[in-house]
Amino acid sequence: METSFLPTARPLPAFQTLAAAPRCPRPLRRSTIRAAISRGRKEDTVAVVREQLEGCYLLAGIRYEGLTVKQFQGIRDALPESCHLLVAKNTLVGKAIEGTPWEALKPCMKGMNAWLFVHTEEVPVALKPYRAFQKEERVEETNDFIGAVFEGKYYEPAEFKSLETMPSRAEVYSKLLGALNGPATSLVTTLQAPARDVVAVLSAYVRKLEEESGAGAA
């Protein structure tokens, strides 16, 4: 009788230490991503405001709450090229104007506002389009100017009439040149215009005299 043997089992392979698999970086949480994007946008907004302040003659706040996107775009289209209308949070605008003459606008940093940057000395021309919009849309009471800074002075809404009735540069030139050839009392009255306008007109008058003198000598 033959005896059958079971096949001999193969020896188990020696234990091998496997290298630890590289850890995948933990994905950033959504809150972290949102915070980074939000911070970047805030910094961009502050930079835009500061850029607009360069060469700015007047900065005015407008109550923006309740206006539609279409209305807002209509206001923008009506403004002269020398003006820029921006919607930004009060905190960001406040940060941009810190340490500048525009900081006088701090009392206006309430509610939902748009900001009008005027890069021209012709202030009445810059303010006129929004006044026309107010009348057309009948929002004089709900969406009025909330304040402005011009030549370092803060103007409340009730004082805007003085800004809107300012004479143009041409008108100031005409009055001053006429006063120089008229009675002294007329000159004193005209000199009550903003200092920068008086200086500009006097410079123009000096140039005029020099040109006339040069023409006479020729």
N, C-alpha and C. Protein backbone atom coordinates (compact mmCIF):
# COMPACT_ATOMS: atom_id res chain seq x y z
N MET A 1 0.85 -1.18 0.00
CA MET A 1 0.00 0.00 0.00
C MET A 1 0.89 1.23 0.00
N GLU A 2 0.60 2.05 -1.00
CA GLU A 2 1.44 3.25 -1.13
C GLU A 2 0.89 4.33 -0.22
N THR A 3 1.81 5.02 0.36
CA THR A 3 1.42 6.13 1.24
C THR A 3 1.57 7.43 0.47
N SER A 4 0.51 8.23 0.41
CA SER A 4 0.57 9.52 -0.32
C SER A 4 0.87 10.63 0.67
N PHE A 5 1.66 11.53 0.24
CA PHE A 5 2.06 12.68 1.09
C PHE A 5 1.46 13.98 0.54
N LEU A 6 1.00 14.80 1.43
CA LEU A 6 0.51 16.13 1.02
C LEU A 6 1.68 17.00 0.60
N PRO A 7 1.49 17.79 -0.40
CA PRO A 7 2.60 18.63 -0.84
C PRO A 7 3.04 19.55 0.28
N THR A 8 4.34 19.74 0.36
CA THR A 8 4.89 20.60 1.42
C THR A 8 4.52 22.06 1.17
N ALA A 9 4.01 22.68 2.16
CA ALA A 9 3.61 24.12 2.02
C ALA A 9 4.82 25.00 1.82
N ARG A 10 4.68 26.00 0.94
CA ARG A 10 5.79 26.92 0.69
C ARG A 10 5.99 27.83 1.91
N PRO A 11 7.24 28.11 2.17
CA PRO A 11 7.50 28.99 3.32
C PRO A 11 6.92 30.38 3.09
N LEU A 12 6.42 30.99 4.12
CA LEU A 12 5.86 32.33 4.02
C LEU A 12 6.95 33.34 3.71
N PRO A 13 6.69 34.31 2.86
CA PRO A 13 7.72 35.31 2.53
C PRO A 13 8.09 36.12 3.75
N ALA A 14 9.32 36.54 3.75
CA ALA A 14 9.80 37.32 4.88
C ALA A 14 8.99 38.62 4.98
N PHE A 15 8.76 39.14 6.18
CA PHE A 15 7.98 40.35 6.39
C PHE A 15 8.72 41.56 5.84
N GLN A 16 8.06 42.29 5.01
CA GLN A 16 8.67 43.47 4.41
C GLN A 16 7.97 44.73 4.94
N THR A 17 8.78 45.68 5.31
CA THR A 17 8.23 46.94 5.79
C THR A 17 7.94 47.87 4.60
N LEU A 18 6.70 48.19 4.43
CA LEU A 18 6.32 49.05 3.31
C LEU A 18 6.52 50.51 3.67
N ALA A 19 7.01 51.28 2.70
CA ALA A 19 7.19 52.72 2.94
C ALA A 19 5.84 53.38 3.11
N ALA A 20 5.77 54.27 4.04
CA ALA A 20 4.50 54.95 4.29
C ALA A 20 4.10 55.79 3.09
N ALA A 21 2.87 55.66 2.70
CA ALA A 21 2.38 56.42 1.55
C ALA A 21 2.39 57.91 1.89
N PRO A 22 2.81 58.73 0.92
CA PRO A 22 2.84 60.17 1.18
C PRO A 22 1.46 60.70 1.52
N ARG A 23 1.41 61.57 2.51
CA ARG A 23 0.14 62.12 2.93
C ARG A 23 -0.33 63.20 1.94
N CYS A 24 -1.58 63.13 1.62
CA CYS A 24 -2.15 64.15 0.75
C CYS A 24 -2.40 65.40 1.58
N PRO A 25 -2.06 66.55 1.04
CA PRO A 25 -2.31 67.77 1.81
C PRO A 25 -3.79 67.93 2.11
N ARG A 26 -4.07 68.36 3.30
CA ARG A 26 -5.45 68.53 3.69
C ARG A 26 -6.08 69.66 2.89
N PRO A 27 -7.21 69.41 2.30
CA PRO A 27 -7.85 70.48 1.52
C PRO A 27 -8.22 71.66 2.40
N LEU A 28 -8.06 72.86 1.83
CA LEU A 28 -8.42 74.06 2.58
C LEU A 28 -9.92 74.07 2.83
N ARG A 29 -10.28 74.49 3.98
CA ARG A 29 -11.69 74.60 4.28
C ARG A 29 -12.31 75.73 3.46
N ARG A 30 -13.58 75.58 3.17
CA ARG A 30 -14.26 76.61 2.39
C ARG A 30 -14.22 77.95 3.09
N SER A 31 -14.33 77.92 4.39
CA SER A 31 -14.32 79.18 5.13
C SER A 31 -12.98 79.90 4.96
N THR A 32 -11.89 79.12 4.89
CA THR A 32 -10.56 79.71 4.69
C THR A 32 -10.46 80.36 3.32
N ILE A 33 -10.97 79.65 2.31
CA ILE A 33 -10.93 80.17 0.94
C ILE A 33 -11.75 81.45 0.84
N ARG A 34 -12.94 81.40 1.43
CA ARG A 34 -13.81 82.57 1.37
C ARG A 34 -13.17 83.76 2.06
N ALA A 35 -12.51 83.51 3.18
CA ALA A 35 -11.87 84.60 3.92
C ALA A 35 -10.75 85.22 3.10
N ALA A 36 -9.97 84.36 2.39
CA ALA A 36 -8.87 84.86 1.57
C ALA A 36 -9.40 85.70 0.41
N ILE A 37 -10.47 85.22 -0.23
CA ILE A 37 -11.06 85.97 -1.35
C ILE A 37 -11.63 87.28 -0.85
N SER A 38 -12.33 87.22 0.29
CA SER A 38 -12.93 88.43 0.85
C SER A 38 -11.86 89.46 1.20
N ARG A 39 -10.76 89.00 1.79
CA ARG A 39 -9.68 89.91 2.15
C ARG A 39 -9.07 90.54 0.91
N GLY A 40 -8.90 89.73 -0.14
CA GLY A 40 -8.34 90.25 -1.38
C GLY A 40 -9.24 91.30 -2.01
N ARG A 41 -10.55 91.05 -1.98
CA ARG A 41 -11.49 92.01 -2.56
C ARG A 41 -11.50 93.31 -1.77
N LYS A 42 -11.42 93.20 -0.47
CA LYS A 42 -11.41 94.40 0.37
C LYS A 42 -10.18 95.25 0.06
N GLU A 43 -9.03 94.59 -0.06
CA GLU A 43 -7.81 95.32 -0.37
C GLU A 43 -7.90 95.99 -1.74
N ASP A 44 -8.51 95.30 -2.70
CA ASP A 44 -8.69 95.87 -4.04
C ASP A 44 -9.59 97.10 -3.99
N THR A 45 -10.66 97.02 -3.20
CA THR A 45 -11.59 98.15 -3.09
C THR A 45 -10.91 99.36 -2.48
N VAL A 46 -10.15 99.15 -1.41
CA VAL A 46 -9.43 100.26 -0.77
C VAL A 46 -8.46 100.89 -1.76
N ALA A 47 -7.79 100.05 -2.56
CA ALA A 47 -6.85 100.56 -3.56
C ALA A 47 -7.56 101.40 -4.62
N VAL A 48 -8.75 100.94 -5.05
CA VAL A 48 -9.52 101.68 -6.06
C VAL A 48 -9.93 103.04 -5.51
N VAL A 49 -10.40 103.07 -4.27
CA VAL A 49 -10.82 104.34 -3.65
C VAL A 49 -9.64 105.30 -3.58
N ARG A 50 -8.50 104.81 -3.14
CA ARG A 50 -7.31 105.67 -3.03
C ARG A 50 -6.88 106.18 -4.41
N GLU A 51 -7.02 105.34 -5.40
CA GLU A 51 -6.67 105.76 -6.76
C GLU A 51 -7.59 106.88 -7.24
N GLN A 52 -8.89 106.75 -6.92
CA GLN A 52 -9.85 107.76 -7.33
C GLN A 52 -9.63 109.09 -6.59
N LEU A 53 -9.06 109.03 -5.40
CA LEU A 53 -8.83 110.25 -4.62
C LEU A 53 -7.71 111.11 -5.23
N GLU A 54 -6.88 110.51 -6.06
CA GLU A 54 -5.81 111.26 -6.70
C GLU A 54 -6.40 112.23 -7.72
N GLY A 55 -6.10 113.49 -7.58
CA GLY A 55 -6.63 114.49 -8.50
C GLY A 55 -8.11 114.75 -8.31
N CYS A 56 -8.66 114.36 -7.17
CA CYS A 56 -10.08 114.54 -6.91
C CYS A 56 -10.33 115.93 -6.31
N TYR A 57 -11.31 116.64 -6.82
CA TYR A 57 -11.66 117.96 -6.29
C TYR A 57 -12.79 117.88 -5.27
N LEU A 58 -13.69 116.93 -5.46
CA LEU A 58 -14.83 116.80 -4.56
C LEU A 58 -15.20 115.33 -4.43
N LEU A 59 -15.50 114.93 -3.21
CA LEU A 59 -15.98 113.56 -2.95
C LEU A 59 -17.31 113.68 -2.21
N ALA A 60 -18.34 113.09 -2.78
CA ALA A 60 -19.68 113.19 -2.20
C ALA A 60 -20.27 111.81 -1.99
N GLY A 61 -21.04 111.68 -0.91
CA GLY A 61 -21.75 110.44 -0.63
C GLY A 61 -23.20 110.55 -1.06
N ILE A 62 -23.75 109.46 -1.60
CA ILE A 62 -25.13 109.41 -2.06
C ILE A 62 -25.82 108.21 -1.44
N ARG A 63 -27.02 108.41 -0.89
CA ARG A 63 -27.76 107.29 -0.34
C ARG A 63 -28.15 106.35 -1.48
N TYR A 64 -27.62 105.12 -1.44
CA TYR A 64 -27.77 104.18 -2.55
C TYR A 64 -28.91 103.19 -2.30
N GLU A 65 -29.32 103.01 -1.08
CA GLU A 65 -30.30 101.99 -0.72
C GLU A 65 -31.61 102.17 -1.49
N GLY A 66 -32.08 101.06 -2.11
CA GLY A 66 -33.35 101.09 -2.83
C GLY A 66 -33.23 101.30 -4.32
N LEU A 67 -32.06 101.67 -4.81
CA LEU A 67 -31.87 101.88 -6.24
C LEU A 67 -31.59 100.56 -6.93
N THR A 68 -32.11 100.41 -8.13
CA THR A 68 -31.88 99.19 -8.91
C THR A 68 -30.57 99.31 -9.68
N VAL A 69 -30.11 98.18 -10.18
CA VAL A 69 -28.88 98.17 -10.98
C VAL A 69 -29.07 99.02 -12.23
N LYS A 70 -30.26 98.96 -12.83
CA LYS A 70 -30.54 99.74 -14.03
C LYS A 70 -30.49 101.23 -13.72
N GLN A 71 -31.06 101.63 -12.59
CA GLN A 71 -31.02 103.04 -12.21
C GLN A 71 -29.58 103.50 -11.97
N PHE A 72 -28.83 102.66 -11.27
CA PHE A 72 -27.44 103.01 -10.97
C PHE A 72 -26.63 103.17 -12.25
N GLN A 73 -26.84 102.28 -13.21
CA GLN A 73 -26.12 102.37 -14.47
C GLN A 73 -26.54 103.62 -15.24
N GLY A 74 -27.82 103.99 -15.11
CA GLY A 74 -28.30 105.20 -15.77
C GLY A 74 -27.61 106.45 -15.22
N ILE A 75 -27.40 106.46 -13.91
CA ILE A 75 -26.70 107.60 -13.30
C ILE A 75 -25.27 107.67 -13.82
N ARG A 76 -24.62 106.52 -13.86
CA ARG A 76 -23.23 106.48 -14.34
C ARG A 76 -23.13 106.99 -15.77
N ASP A 77 -24.07 106.59 -16.62
CA ASP A 77 -24.03 107.00 -18.02
C ASP A 77 -24.24 108.50 -18.18
N ALA A 78 -24.99 109.10 -17.24
CA ALA A 78 -25.30 110.53 -17.35
C ALA A 78 -24.17 111.41 -16.83
N LEU A 79 -23.27 110.86 -16.05
CA LEU A 79 -22.19 111.65 -15.47
C LEU A 79 -21.14 112.00 -16.52
N PRO A 80 -20.49 113.15 -16.38
CA PRO A 80 -19.38 113.49 -17.29
C PRO A 80 -18.21 112.54 -17.07
N GLU A 81 -17.32 112.49 -18.06
CA GLU A 81 -16.18 111.58 -17.97
C GLU A 81 -15.26 111.90 -16.80
N SER A 82 -15.34 113.10 -16.30
CA SER A 82 -14.47 113.51 -15.19
C SER A 82 -14.98 113.03 -13.83
N CYS A 83 -16.06 112.28 -13.82
CA CYS A 83 -16.65 111.79 -12.57
C CYS A 83 -16.70 110.27 -12.56
N HIS A 84 -16.63 109.72 -11.37
CA HIS A 84 -16.70 108.27 -11.21
C HIS A 84 -17.60 107.95 -10.02
N LEU A 85 -18.56 107.04 -10.23
CA LEU A 85 -19.49 106.65 -9.17
C LEU A 85 -19.17 105.22 -8.75
N LEU A 86 -18.96 105.03 -7.45
CA LEU A 86 -18.53 103.74 -6.92
C LEU A 86 -19.38 103.36 -5.72
N VAL A 87 -19.81 102.08 -5.69
CA VAL A 87 -20.51 101.55 -4.52
C VAL A 87 -19.49 100.76 -3.71
N ALA A 88 -19.30 101.13 -2.47
CA ALA A 88 -18.33 100.45 -1.61
C ALA A 88 -18.78 100.55 -0.16
N LYS A 89 -18.35 99.60 0.64
CA LYS A 89 -18.71 99.59 2.06
C LYS A 89 -18.10 100.79 2.77
N ASN A 90 -18.83 101.28 3.74
CA ASN A 90 -18.36 102.44 4.50
C ASN A 90 -17.02 102.17 5.18
N THR A 91 -16.85 100.95 5.69
CA THR A 91 -15.60 100.64 6.39
C THR A 91 -14.40 100.72 5.47
N LEU A 92 -14.58 100.31 4.22
CA LEU A 92 -13.47 100.32 3.27
C LEU A 92 -13.16 101.75 2.80
N VAL A 93 -14.21 102.52 2.56
CA VAL A 93 -14.00 103.92 2.18
C VAL A 93 -13.36 104.67 3.35
N GLY A 94 -13.83 104.37 4.55
CA GLY A 94 -13.26 105.01 5.73
C GLY A 94 -11.78 104.70 5.89
N LYS A 95 -11.42 103.45 5.59
CA LYS A 95 -10.00 103.06 5.68
C LYS A 95 -9.17 103.80 4.65
N ALA A 96 -9.73 103.99 3.45
CA ALA A 96 -8.99 104.64 2.36
C ALA A 96 -8.77 106.12 2.62
N ILE A 97 -9.68 106.77 3.34
CA ILE A 97 -9.57 108.21 3.54
C ILE A 97 -8.90 108.58 4.86
N GLU A 98 -8.51 107.59 5.63
CA GLU A 98 -7.85 107.87 6.91
C GLU A 98 -6.58 108.68 6.70
N GLY A 99 -6.40 109.72 7.51
CA GLY A 99 -5.20 110.53 7.42
C GLY A 99 -5.15 111.48 6.24
N THR A 100 -6.29 111.68 5.56
CA THR A 100 -6.36 112.58 4.41
C THR A 100 -7.40 113.67 4.69
N PRO A 101 -7.41 114.74 3.89
CA PRO A 101 -8.44 115.77 4.08
C PRO A 101 -9.86 115.24 3.89
N TRP A 102 -9.99 114.11 3.20
CA TRP A 102 -11.31 113.53 2.95
C TRP A 102 -11.88 112.85 4.18
N GLU A 103 -11.07 112.74 5.22
CA GLU A 103 -11.51 112.07 6.44
C GLU A 103 -12.68 112.81 7.10
N ALA A 104 -12.90 114.04 6.69
CA ALA A 104 -14.04 114.81 7.22
C ALA A 104 -15.37 114.17 6.85
N LEU A 105 -15.34 113.21 5.91
CA LEU A 105 -16.57 112.52 5.50
C LEU A 105 -16.99 111.43 6.48
N LYS A 106 -16.22 111.20 7.54
CA LYS A 106 -16.53 110.12 8.47
C LYS A 106 -17.97 110.15 8.99
N PRO A 107 -18.58 111.34 9.23
CA PRO A 107 -19.97 111.34 9.69
C PRO A 107 -20.96 110.70 8.71
N CYS A 108 -20.54 110.54 7.45
CA CYS A 108 -21.43 109.97 6.44
C CYS A 108 -21.35 108.44 6.36
N MET A 109 -20.47 107.85 7.16
CA MET A 109 -20.25 106.41 7.05
C MET A 109 -21.34 105.60 7.76
N LYS A 110 -22.56 105.78 7.27
CA LYS A 110 -23.71 105.04 7.81
C LYS A 110 -24.61 104.62 6.66
N GLY A 111 -25.24 103.47 6.81
CA GLY A 111 -26.18 103.01 5.79
C GLY A 111 -25.50 102.52 4.53
N MET A 112 -26.28 102.43 3.46
CA MET A 112 -25.78 101.91 2.18
C MET A 112 -25.57 103.10 1.25
N ASN A 113 -24.31 103.32 0.83
CA ASN A 113 -23.98 104.53 0.08
C ASN A 113 -23.22 104.24 -1.21
N ALA A 114 -23.33 105.20 -2.12
CA ALA A 114 -22.48 105.24 -3.31
C ALA A 114 -21.62 106.49 -3.16
N TRP A 115 -20.47 106.50 -3.82
CA TRP A 115 -19.51 107.60 -3.64
C TRP A 115 -19.17 108.21 -4.98
N LEU A 116 -19.34 109.53 -5.07
CA LEU A 116 -19.10 110.26 -6.31
C LEU A 116 -17.76 110.98 -6.23
N PHE A 117 -16.83 110.60 -7.10
CA PHE A 117 -15.51 111.23 -7.18
C PHE A 117 -15.52 112.21 -8.35
N VAL A 118 -15.28 113.48 -8.05
CA VAL A 118 -15.33 114.52 -9.08
C VAL A 118 -13.90 114.98 -9.38
N HIS A 119 -13.46 114.75 -10.61
CA HIS A 119 -12.10 115.11 -11.00
C HIS A 119 -12.10 116.32 -11.92
N THR A 120 -12.92 117.30 -11.60
CA THR A 120 -12.97 118.53 -12.36
C THR A 120 -13.31 119.67 -11.42
N GLU A 121 -12.86 120.88 -11.76
CA GLU A 121 -13.18 122.04 -10.94
C GLU A 121 -14.60 122.52 -11.18
N GLU A 122 -15.21 122.06 -12.25
CA GLU A 122 -16.59 122.46 -12.56
C GLU A 122 -17.55 121.60 -11.75
N VAL A 123 -17.64 121.89 -10.48
CA VAL A 123 -18.45 121.09 -9.54
C VAL A 123 -19.94 121.10 -9.90
N PRO A 124 -20.55 122.25 -10.20
CA PRO A 124 -21.99 122.23 -10.53
C PRO A 124 -22.32 121.31 -11.69
N VAL A 125 -21.45 121.28 -12.70
CA VAL A 125 -21.68 120.41 -13.86
C VAL A 125 -21.65 118.94 -13.44
N ALA A 126 -20.80 118.62 -12.46
CA ALA A 126 -20.68 117.24 -12.00
C ALA A 126 -21.88 116.81 -11.17
N LEU A 127 -22.47 117.73 -10.42
CA LEU A 127 -23.59 117.38 -9.55
C LEU A 127 -24.95 117.41 -10.26
N LYS A 128 -25.02 118.15 -11.35
CA LYS A 128 -26.29 118.34 -12.05
C LYS A 128 -26.94 117.03 -12.52
N PRO A 129 -26.20 116.07 -13.10
CA PRO A 129 -26.84 114.85 -13.59
C PRO A 129 -27.58 114.09 -12.49
N TYR A 130 -27.03 114.04 -11.28
CA TYR A 130 -27.73 113.31 -10.22
C TYR A 130 -28.97 114.06 -9.77
N ARG A 131 -28.93 115.37 -9.75
CA ARG A 131 -30.12 116.14 -9.40
C ARG A 131 -31.23 115.86 -10.42
N ALA A 132 -30.86 115.78 -11.69
CA ALA A 132 -31.85 115.48 -12.73
C ALA A 132 -32.44 114.09 -12.53
N PHE A 133 -31.60 113.13 -12.14
CA PHE A 133 -32.07 111.77 -11.89
C PHE A 133 -33.04 111.75 -10.72
N GLN A 134 -32.74 112.49 -9.66
CA GLN A 134 -33.62 112.54 -8.49
C GLN A 134 -35.02 113.01 -8.88
N LYS A 135 -35.08 114.05 -9.69
CA LYS A 135 -36.38 114.59 -10.09
C LYS A 135 -37.13 113.63 -11.00
N GLU A 136 -36.40 113.02 -11.93
CA GLU A 136 -37.03 112.11 -12.88
C GLU A 136 -37.58 110.87 -12.17
N GLU A 137 -36.83 110.33 -11.20
CA GLU A 137 -37.24 109.12 -10.50
C GLU A 137 -38.00 109.43 -9.21
N ARG A 138 -38.13 110.69 -8.88
CA ARG A 138 -38.84 111.12 -7.67
C ARG A 138 -38.26 110.49 -6.40
N VAL A 139 -36.95 110.62 -6.26
CA VAL A 139 -36.27 110.06 -5.09
C VAL A 139 -35.49 111.15 -4.35
N GLU A 140 -35.99 112.38 -4.41
CA GLU A 140 -35.29 113.49 -3.77
C GLU A 140 -35.12 113.27 -2.27
N GLU A 141 -36.13 112.70 -1.63
CA GLU A 141 -36.10 112.54 -0.18
C GLU A 141 -35.42 111.26 0.26
N THR A 142 -35.55 110.20 -0.53
CA THR A 142 -35.02 108.89 -0.11
C THR A 142 -33.58 108.65 -0.53
N ASN A 143 -33.15 109.29 -1.60
CA ASN A 143 -31.80 109.03 -2.13
C ASN A 143 -31.08 110.34 -2.42
N ASP A 144 -30.89 111.12 -1.38
CA ASP A 144 -30.23 112.42 -1.53
C ASP A 144 -28.73 112.30 -1.23
N PHE A 145 -28.02 113.37 -1.49
CA PHE A 145 -26.62 113.46 -1.07
C PHE A 145 -26.58 113.43 0.46
N ILE A 146 -25.61 112.75 1.01
CA ILE A 146 -25.49 112.67 2.47
C ILE A 146 -24.36 113.53 3.01
N GLY A 147 -23.57 114.11 2.12
CA GLY A 147 -22.46 114.97 2.54
C GLY A 147 -21.37 114.97 1.48
N ALA A 148 -20.47 115.92 1.59
CA ALA A 148 -19.37 116.03 0.63
C ALA A 148 -18.21 116.78 1.26
N VAL A 149 -17.04 116.60 0.67
CA VAL A 149 -15.85 117.35 1.07
C VAL A 149 -15.30 118.05 -0.18
N PHE A 150 -15.11 119.36 -0.06
CA PHE A 150 -14.57 120.15 -1.16
C PHE A 150 -13.57 121.13 -0.57
N GLU A 151 -12.35 121.11 -1.09
CA GLU A 151 -11.26 121.97 -0.62
C GLU A 151 -11.07 121.82 0.89
N GLY A 152 -11.18 120.58 1.37
CA GLY A 152 -10.93 120.28 2.77
C GLY A 152 -12.08 120.60 3.71
N LYS A 153 -13.17 121.13 3.19
CA LYS A 153 -14.32 121.49 4.03
C LYS A 153 -15.44 120.49 3.84
N TYR A 154 -16.09 120.16 4.95
CA TYR A 154 -17.22 119.23 4.91
C TYR A 154 -18.52 120.01 4.68
N TYR A 155 -19.32 119.52 3.74
CA TYR A 155 -20.61 120.14 3.42
C TYR A 155 -21.74 119.18 3.76
N GLU A 156 -22.67 119.63 4.57
CA GLU A 156 -23.86 118.85 4.88
C GLU A 156 -24.84 118.96 3.72
N PRO A 157 -25.83 118.05 3.65
CA PRO A 157 -26.81 118.11 2.55
C PRO A 157 -27.45 119.49 2.38
N ALA A 158 -27.71 120.17 3.49
CA ALA A 158 -28.36 121.48 3.42
C ALA A 158 -27.44 122.54 2.82
N GLU A 159 -26.14 122.27 2.75
CA GLU A 159 -25.18 123.25 2.24
C GLU A 159 -24.81 123.01 0.78
N PHE A 160 -25.44 122.02 0.16
CA PHE A 160 -25.08 121.67 -1.22
C PHE A 160 -25.42 122.76 -2.21
N LYS A 161 -26.35 123.62 -1.87
CA LYS A 161 -26.73 124.68 -2.80
C LYS A 161 -25.54 125.55 -3.14
N SER A 162 -24.67 125.79 -2.15
CA SER A 162 -23.49 126.62 -2.40
C SER A 162 -22.54 125.93 -3.37
N LEU A 163 -22.50 124.61 -3.36
CA LEU A 163 -21.66 123.86 -4.30
C LEU A 163 -22.26 123.86 -5.70
N GLU A 164 -23.59 123.77 -5.75
CA GLU A 164 -24.28 123.66 -7.04
C GLU A 164 -24.43 125.00 -7.75
N THR A 165 -24.19 126.08 -7.04
CA THR A 165 -24.31 127.40 -7.66
C THR A 165 -22.95 128.10 -7.79
N MET A 166 -21.88 127.35 -7.58
CA MET A 166 -20.56 127.93 -7.74
C MET A 166 -20.37 128.42 -9.17
N PRO A 167 -19.77 129.59 -9.37
CA PRO A 167 -19.52 130.06 -10.74
C PRO A 167 -18.45 129.21 -11.42
N SER A 168 -18.56 129.09 -12.71
CA SER A 168 -17.55 128.35 -13.46
C SER A 168 -16.26 129.15 -13.50
N ARG A 169 -15.20 128.52 -13.95
CA ARG A 169 -13.91 129.23 -14.03
C ARG A 169 -14.01 130.41 -14.98
N ALA A 170 -14.70 130.21 -16.09
CA ALA A 170 -14.84 131.30 -17.06
C ALA A 170 -15.57 132.49 -16.44
N GLU A 171 -16.60 132.20 -15.64
CA GLU A 171 -17.36 133.27 -15.00
C GLU A 171 -16.50 134.02 -13.98
N VAL A 172 -15.68 133.26 -13.23
CA VAL A 172 -14.80 133.89 -12.24
C VAL A 172 -13.78 134.78 -12.95
N TYR A 173 -13.22 134.29 -14.06
CA TYR A 173 -12.25 135.07 -14.84
C TYR A 173 -12.88 136.40 -15.28
N SER A 174 -14.10 136.28 -15.82
CA SER A 174 -14.77 137.46 -16.34
C SER A 174 -15.03 138.48 -15.25
N LYS A 175 -15.50 138.01 -14.08
CA LYS A 175 -15.81 138.92 -12.97
C LYS A 175 -14.54 139.59 -12.45
N LEU A 176 -13.49 138.79 -12.31
CA LEU A 176 -12.26 139.35 -11.74
C LEU A 176 -11.60 140.32 -12.70
N LEU A 177 -11.55 139.97 -13.97
CA LEU A 177 -10.95 140.88 -14.95
C LEU A 177 -11.74 142.18 -15.04
N GLY A 178 -13.07 142.06 -14.90
CA GLY A 178 -13.89 143.26 -14.93
C GLY A 178 -13.66 144.10 -13.68
N ALA A 179 -13.47 143.41 -12.54
CA ALA A 179 -13.25 144.13 -11.28
C ALA A 179 -11.92 144.84 -11.27
N LEU A 180 -10.91 144.26 -11.94
CA LEU A 180 -9.59 144.90 -11.97
C LEU A 180 -9.62 146.24 -12.69
N ASN A 181 -10.59 146.38 -13.58
CA ASN A 181 -10.73 147.62 -14.32
C ASN A 181 -11.83 148.52 -13.74
N GLY A 182 -12.42 148.06 -12.61
CA GLY A 182 -13.53 148.80 -12.03
C GLY A 182 -13.20 149.34 -10.65
N PRO A 183 -14.23 149.75 -9.90
CA PRO A 183 -14.03 150.30 -8.55
C PRO A 183 -13.40 149.29 -7.62
N ALA A 184 -12.73 149.78 -6.59
CA ALA A 184 -12.07 148.90 -5.62
C ALA A 184 -13.06 148.00 -4.90
N THR A 185 -14.27 148.52 -4.61
CA THR A 185 -15.26 147.71 -3.89
C THR A 185 -15.66 146.49 -4.70
N SER A 186 -15.71 146.64 -6.02
CA SER A 186 -16.05 145.51 -6.88
C SER A 186 -14.96 144.45 -6.83
N LEU A 187 -13.71 144.89 -6.77
CA LEU A 187 -12.59 143.95 -6.70
C LEU A 187 -12.63 143.17 -5.39
N VAL A 188 -12.92 143.84 -4.29
CA VAL A 188 -12.97 143.18 -2.99
C VAL A 188 -14.05 142.10 -2.99
N THR A 189 -15.19 142.40 -3.57
CA THR A 189 -16.29 141.42 -3.64
C THR A 189 -15.88 140.20 -4.45
N THR A 190 -15.22 140.43 -5.58
CA THR A 190 -14.81 139.33 -6.43
C THR A 190 -13.76 138.46 -5.77
N LEU A 191 -12.91 139.05 -4.96
CA LEU A 191 -11.83 138.31 -4.31
C LEU A 191 -12.34 137.33 -3.25
N GLN A 192 -13.64 137.32 -3.01
CA GLN A 192 -14.21 136.36 -2.08
C GLN A 192 -14.35 134.98 -2.72
N ALA A 193 -14.03 134.86 -3.98
CA ALA A 193 -14.05 133.56 -4.66
C ALA A 193 -12.96 132.67 -4.08
N PRO A 194 -13.02 131.32 -4.33
CA PRO A 194 -11.98 130.42 -3.82
C PRO A 194 -10.58 130.88 -4.21
N ALA A 195 -9.63 130.71 -3.31
CA ALA A 195 -8.27 131.22 -3.52
C ALA A 195 -7.65 130.69 -4.80
N ARG A 196 -7.89 129.41 -5.09
CA ARG A 196 -7.26 128.83 -6.27
C ARG A 196 -7.75 129.51 -7.55
N ASP A 197 -9.03 129.93 -7.57
CA ASP A 197 -9.57 130.60 -8.74
C ASP A 197 -8.98 132.00 -8.87
N VAL A 198 -8.81 132.68 -7.75
CA VAL A 198 -8.25 134.03 -7.77
C VAL A 198 -6.83 134.00 -8.30
N VAL A 199 -6.04 133.06 -7.80
CA VAL A 199 -4.65 132.94 -8.24
C VAL A 199 -4.59 132.64 -9.73
N ALA A 200 -5.45 131.74 -10.20
CA ALA A 200 -5.45 131.38 -11.62
C ALA A 200 -5.82 132.58 -12.48
N VAL A 201 -6.81 133.34 -12.02
CA VAL A 201 -7.24 134.51 -12.80
C VAL A 201 -6.16 135.58 -12.83
N LEU A 202 -5.53 135.82 -11.70
CA LEU A 202 -4.46 136.82 -11.65
C LEU A 202 -3.32 136.41 -12.57
N SER A 203 -3.00 135.13 -12.60
CA SER A 203 -1.94 134.64 -13.49
C SER A 203 -2.32 134.88 -14.94
N ALA A 204 -3.58 134.61 -15.25
CA ALA A 204 -4.05 134.83 -16.62
C ALA A 204 -3.99 136.32 -16.98
N TYR A 205 -4.31 137.16 -16.00
CA TYR A 205 -4.29 138.60 -16.24
C TYR A 205 -2.87 139.09 -16.48
N VAL A 206 -1.93 138.57 -15.71
CA VAL A 206 -0.52 138.94 -15.90
C VAL A 206 -0.05 138.53 -17.28
N ARG A 207 -0.41 137.32 -17.71
CA ARG A 207 -0.02 136.85 -19.04
C ARG A 207 -0.61 137.75 -20.12
N LYS A 208 -1.87 138.16 -19.89
CA LYS A 208 -2.55 139.03 -20.85
C LYS A 208 -1.79 140.36 -20.98
N LEU A 209 -1.39 140.94 -19.83
CA LEU A 209 -0.65 142.20 -19.86
C LEU A 209 0.69 142.03 -20.56
N GLU A 210 1.37 140.92 -20.29
CA GLU A 210 2.66 140.66 -20.92
C GLU A 210 2.51 140.53 -22.43
N GLU A 211 1.44 139.84 -22.87
CA GLU A 211 1.22 139.67 -24.31
C GLU A 211 0.93 141.02 -24.97
N GLU A 212 0.10 141.84 -24.28
CA GLU A 212 -0.22 143.15 -24.83
C GLU A 212 1.02 144.04 -24.90
N SER A 213 1.86 143.92 -23.84
CA SER A 213 3.10 144.71 -23.80
C SER A 213 4.05 144.28 -24.91
N GLY A 214 4.14 142.96 -25.12
CA GLY A 214 5.01 142.45 -26.18
C GLY A 214 4.53 142.85 -27.55
N ALA A 215 3.21 142.84 -27.74
CA ALA A 215 2.65 143.22 -29.03
C ALA A 215 2.87 144.69 -29.30
N GLY A 216 2.78 145.52 -28.23
CA GLY A 216 2.99 146.96 -28.40
C GLY A 216 4.42 147.28 -28.76
N ALA A 217 5.35 146.55 -28.13
CA ALA A 217 6.78 146.78 -28.39
C ALA A 217 7.14 146.39 -29.81
N ALA A 218 6.47 145.34 -30.32
CA ALA A 218 6.74 144.91 -31.69
C ALA A 218 6.23 145.94 -32.67
